[in-house]
N, C-alpha and C. Protein backbone atom coordinates (compact mmCIF):
# COMPACT_ATOMS: atom_id res chain seq x y z
N MET A 1 -6.23 -2.39 -7.80
CA MET A 1 -6.98 -1.34 -7.30
C MET A 1 -6.08 -0.08 -7.10
N ALA A 2 -5.03 -0.18 -6.28
CA ALA A 2 -4.05 0.88 -6.02
C ALA A 2 -2.81 0.70 -6.98
N LYS A 3 -2.46 1.84 -7.58
CA LYS A 3 -1.17 1.72 -8.45
C LYS A 3 -0.18 2.59 -7.96
N PRO A 4 1.20 2.50 -8.52
CA PRO A 4 2.15 3.26 -7.92
C PRO A 4 1.86 4.83 -8.29
N GLY A 5 2.11 5.67 -7.25
CA GLY A 5 1.98 6.92 -7.14
C GLY A 5 0.61 7.35 -6.44
N ASP A 6 -0.26 6.29 -6.09
CA ASP A 6 -1.46 6.52 -5.45
C ASP A 6 -1.06 6.86 -3.93
N ILE A 7 -1.81 7.82 -3.28
CA ILE A 7 -1.71 8.07 -1.91
C ILE A 7 -2.99 7.35 -1.39
N VAL A 8 -2.74 6.53 -0.31
CA VAL A 8 -3.71 5.56 0.19
C VAL A 8 -3.70 5.99 1.70
N LYS A 9 -4.98 5.81 2.31
CA LYS A 9 -5.22 5.95 3.79
C LYS A 9 -5.44 4.63 4.41
N LYS A 10 -5.26 4.75 5.76
CA LYS A 10 -5.17 3.55 6.61
C LYS A 10 -6.76 3.05 6.37
N GLY A 11 -6.67 1.60 6.13
CA GLY A 11 -8.04 1.00 5.99
C GLY A 11 -8.60 0.99 4.52
N GLN A 12 -7.95 1.70 3.81
CA GLN A 12 -8.37 1.91 2.23
C GLN A 12 -8.01 0.52 1.53
N ARG A 13 -9.09 0.03 0.71
CA ARG A 13 -8.87 -1.24 -0.09
C ARG A 13 -7.82 -0.94 -1.05
N ILE A 14 -6.72 -1.71 -1.12
CA ILE A 14 -5.65 -1.48 -2.04
C ILE A 14 -5.40 -2.59 -3.11
N ALA A 15 -5.83 -3.89 -2.76
CA ALA A 15 -5.69 -4.97 -3.63
C ALA A 15 -6.59 -6.06 -3.33
N ARG A 16 -6.92 -7.05 -4.26
CA ARG A 16 -7.57 -8.10 -4.14
C ARG A 16 -6.91 -9.26 -4.41
N ASN A 17 -7.16 -10.47 -3.55
CA ASN A 17 -6.51 -11.69 -3.80
C ASN A 17 -7.71 -12.75 -4.33
N VAL A 18 -7.52 -13.23 -5.55
CA VAL A 18 -8.40 -14.02 -6.14
C VAL A 18 -7.69 -15.54 -6.35
N ASN A 19 -8.61 -16.54 -6.43
CA ASN A 19 -8.00 -17.80 -6.81
C ASN A 19 -7.88 -18.16 -8.21
N ALA A 20 -7.50 -19.35 -8.56
CA ALA A 20 -7.21 -19.54 -9.96
C ALA A 20 -8.53 -19.50 -10.94
N PHE A 21 -9.77 -19.52 -10.24
CA PHE A 21 -10.93 -19.31 -10.85
C PHE A 21 -11.49 -17.83 -10.92
N GLY A 22 -10.70 -17.06 -10.32
CA GLY A 22 -11.21 -15.63 -10.30
C GLY A 22 -12.04 -15.32 -8.93
N LYS A 23 -12.36 -16.21 -8.20
CA LYS A 23 -13.17 -16.04 -7.10
C LYS A 23 -12.37 -15.11 -6.14
N LEU A 24 -13.03 -14.13 -5.42
CA LEU A 24 -12.33 -13.39 -4.44
C LEU A 24 -12.02 -14.08 -3.30
N GLN A 25 -10.90 -14.06 -2.76
CA GLN A 25 -10.50 -14.77 -1.57
C GLN A 25 -10.34 -13.85 -0.54
N GLU A 26 -9.76 -12.60 -0.67
CA GLU A 26 -9.45 -11.57 0.26
C GLU A 26 -9.23 -10.26 -0.22
N THR A 27 -9.83 -9.31 0.44
CA THR A 27 -9.61 -7.83 0.15
C THR A 27 -8.46 -7.32 0.98
N ILE A 28 -7.34 -6.80 0.61
CA ILE A 28 -6.19 -6.20 1.28
C ILE A 28 -6.33 -4.71 1.58
N THR A 29 -6.14 -4.33 2.73
CA THR A 29 -6.26 -3.03 3.01
C THR A 29 -4.95 -2.33 3.56
N ALA A 30 -4.83 -1.05 3.35
CA ALA A 30 -3.60 -0.29 3.84
C ALA A 30 -3.34 -0.36 5.30
N LEU A 31 -2.32 -0.67 5.97
CA LEU A 31 -2.09 -0.65 7.28
C LEU A 31 -2.06 0.69 7.96
N GLU A 32 -1.46 1.69 6.97
CA GLU A 32 -1.35 3.14 7.47
C GLU A 32 -1.47 4.06 6.27
N ASP A 33 -1.40 5.45 6.44
CA ASP A 33 -1.34 6.23 5.38
C ASP A 33 0.08 6.18 4.73
N ALA A 34 0.12 6.17 3.30
CA ALA A 34 1.19 5.78 2.65
C ALA A 34 1.03 6.34 1.19
N ILE A 35 2.19 6.21 0.43
CA ILE A 35 2.29 6.36 -1.06
C ILE A 35 2.54 5.05 -1.63
N VAL A 36 1.93 4.56 -2.62
CA VAL A 36 2.23 3.16 -3.25
C VAL A 36 3.54 3.42 -4.13
N LEU A 37 4.62 2.79 -3.90
CA LEU A 37 5.82 2.89 -4.62
C LEU A 37 5.79 1.81 -5.95
N GLY A 38 5.09 0.70 -5.59
CA GLY A 38 5.18 -0.27 -6.81
C GLY A 38 4.47 -1.42 -6.25
N HIS A 39 4.13 -2.30 -7.17
CA HIS A 39 3.46 -3.69 -6.72
C HIS A 39 3.94 -4.81 -7.52
N ALA A 40 3.78 -6.03 -7.01
CA ALA A 40 4.31 -7.22 -7.72
C ALA A 40 3.14 -7.52 -8.84
N ASP A 41 3.62 -8.07 -9.82
CA ASP A 41 2.68 -8.54 -11.04
C ASP A 41 2.92 -10.04 -11.11
N PHE A 42 2.63 -10.86 -10.38
CA PHE A 42 2.85 -12.18 -10.43
C PHE A 42 1.41 -12.98 -10.63
N SER A 43 1.48 -14.11 -11.16
CA SER A 43 0.18 -14.87 -11.39
C SER A 43 -0.21 -15.47 -10.16
N ALA A 44 0.81 -15.73 -9.25
CA ALA A 44 0.49 -16.44 -8.01
C ALA A 44 1.22 -15.63 -6.77
N ALA A 45 0.62 -15.54 -5.60
CA ALA A 45 1.16 -14.96 -4.45
C ALA A 45 0.92 -15.90 -3.52
N PHE A 46 1.90 -16.13 -2.48
CA PHE A 46 1.88 -17.03 -1.49
C PHE A 46 1.93 -16.40 -0.20
N PRO A 47 1.33 -16.85 0.92
CA PRO A 47 1.19 -16.25 2.20
C PRO A 47 2.60 -15.73 2.77
N GLY A 48 2.62 -14.47 3.08
CA GLY A 48 3.93 -13.77 3.53
C GLY A 48 4.71 -13.15 2.39
N MET A 49 4.22 -13.37 1.21
CA MET A 49 4.96 -12.86 -0.02
C MET A 49 4.66 -11.36 0.01
N PRO A 50 5.69 -10.46 -0.17
CA PRO A 50 5.25 -9.02 -0.48
C PRO A 50 4.63 -8.84 -1.78
N ILE A 51 3.62 -7.95 -1.79
CA ILE A 51 2.78 -7.78 -2.97
C ILE A 51 2.84 -6.37 -3.40
N MET A 52 3.16 -5.50 -2.50
CA MET A 52 3.19 -3.96 -2.70
C MET A 52 4.36 -3.32 -1.85
N ALA A 53 4.88 -2.30 -2.44
CA ALA A 53 5.90 -1.49 -1.67
C ALA A 53 5.29 0.02 -1.42
N PHE A 54 5.57 0.34 -0.18
CA PHE A 54 5.11 1.80 0.12
C PHE A 54 5.95 2.70 0.86
N GLY A 55 5.79 4.02 0.64
CA GLY A 55 6.53 4.97 1.31
C GLY A 55 5.75 5.61 2.43
N VAL A 56 6.12 5.56 3.72
CA VAL A 56 5.35 6.12 4.74
C VAL A 56 5.97 7.42 5.22
N PRO A 57 5.34 8.43 5.28
CA PRO A 57 5.87 9.78 5.83
C PRO A 57 6.37 9.72 7.18
N ASP A 58 7.48 10.37 7.44
CA ASP A 58 8.00 10.49 8.90
C ASP A 58 7.48 11.64 9.50
N THR A 59 6.42 11.55 10.41
CA THR A 59 5.64 12.56 11.03
C THR A 59 6.02 12.86 12.50
N LYS A 60 6.83 12.07 12.98
CA LYS A 60 7.03 12.09 14.45
C LYS A 60 7.34 13.40 14.99
N ASP A 61 8.32 14.20 14.37
CA ASP A 61 8.70 15.51 14.92
C ASP A 61 8.16 16.63 14.09
N GLN A 62 7.14 16.45 13.33
CA GLN A 62 6.63 17.49 12.51
C GLN A 62 5.19 17.93 12.95
N GLN A 63 4.92 19.20 12.94
CA GLN A 63 3.60 19.71 13.26
C GLN A 63 2.83 19.80 12.00
N PRO A 64 1.53 19.74 12.05
CA PRO A 64 0.54 19.70 10.86
C PRO A 64 0.91 21.02 10.15
N GLY A 65 1.08 20.95 8.70
CA GLY A 65 1.27 22.07 8.01
C GLY A 65 2.65 22.59 7.85
N VAL A 66 3.70 22.03 8.72
CA VAL A 66 5.00 22.59 8.62
C VAL A 66 5.91 21.49 7.87
N LYS A 67 6.50 22.07 6.91
CA LYS A 67 7.46 21.15 6.16
C LYS A 67 8.73 21.08 6.87
N LYS A 68 9.29 19.87 6.77
CA LYS A 68 10.61 19.67 7.35
C LYS A 68 11.80 20.32 6.47
N ALA A 69 12.57 20.94 7.06
CA ALA A 69 13.76 21.67 6.30
C ALA A 69 14.64 20.51 5.78
N ALA A 70 15.34 20.81 4.51
CA ALA A 70 16.22 20.03 3.90
C ALA A 70 17.53 19.92 4.76
N SER A 71 18.18 18.89 4.90
CA SER A 71 19.45 18.89 5.72
C SER A 71 20.67 19.25 4.80
């Protein structure tokens, strides 16, 4: 569903977990706003195993619409 480079919003569906027969087991949603950096491409995933990597913007000290200056 989500692929590298996609910007996702909190709660957006990003992946599906299916069993060996293709039956949907779970729909995985984004925990917060982020950009998808990459994803695992395994035929099997086990509980607790990472399946996607995300970049989450640091917005603590930023005001909306103001870009942080380069250091």
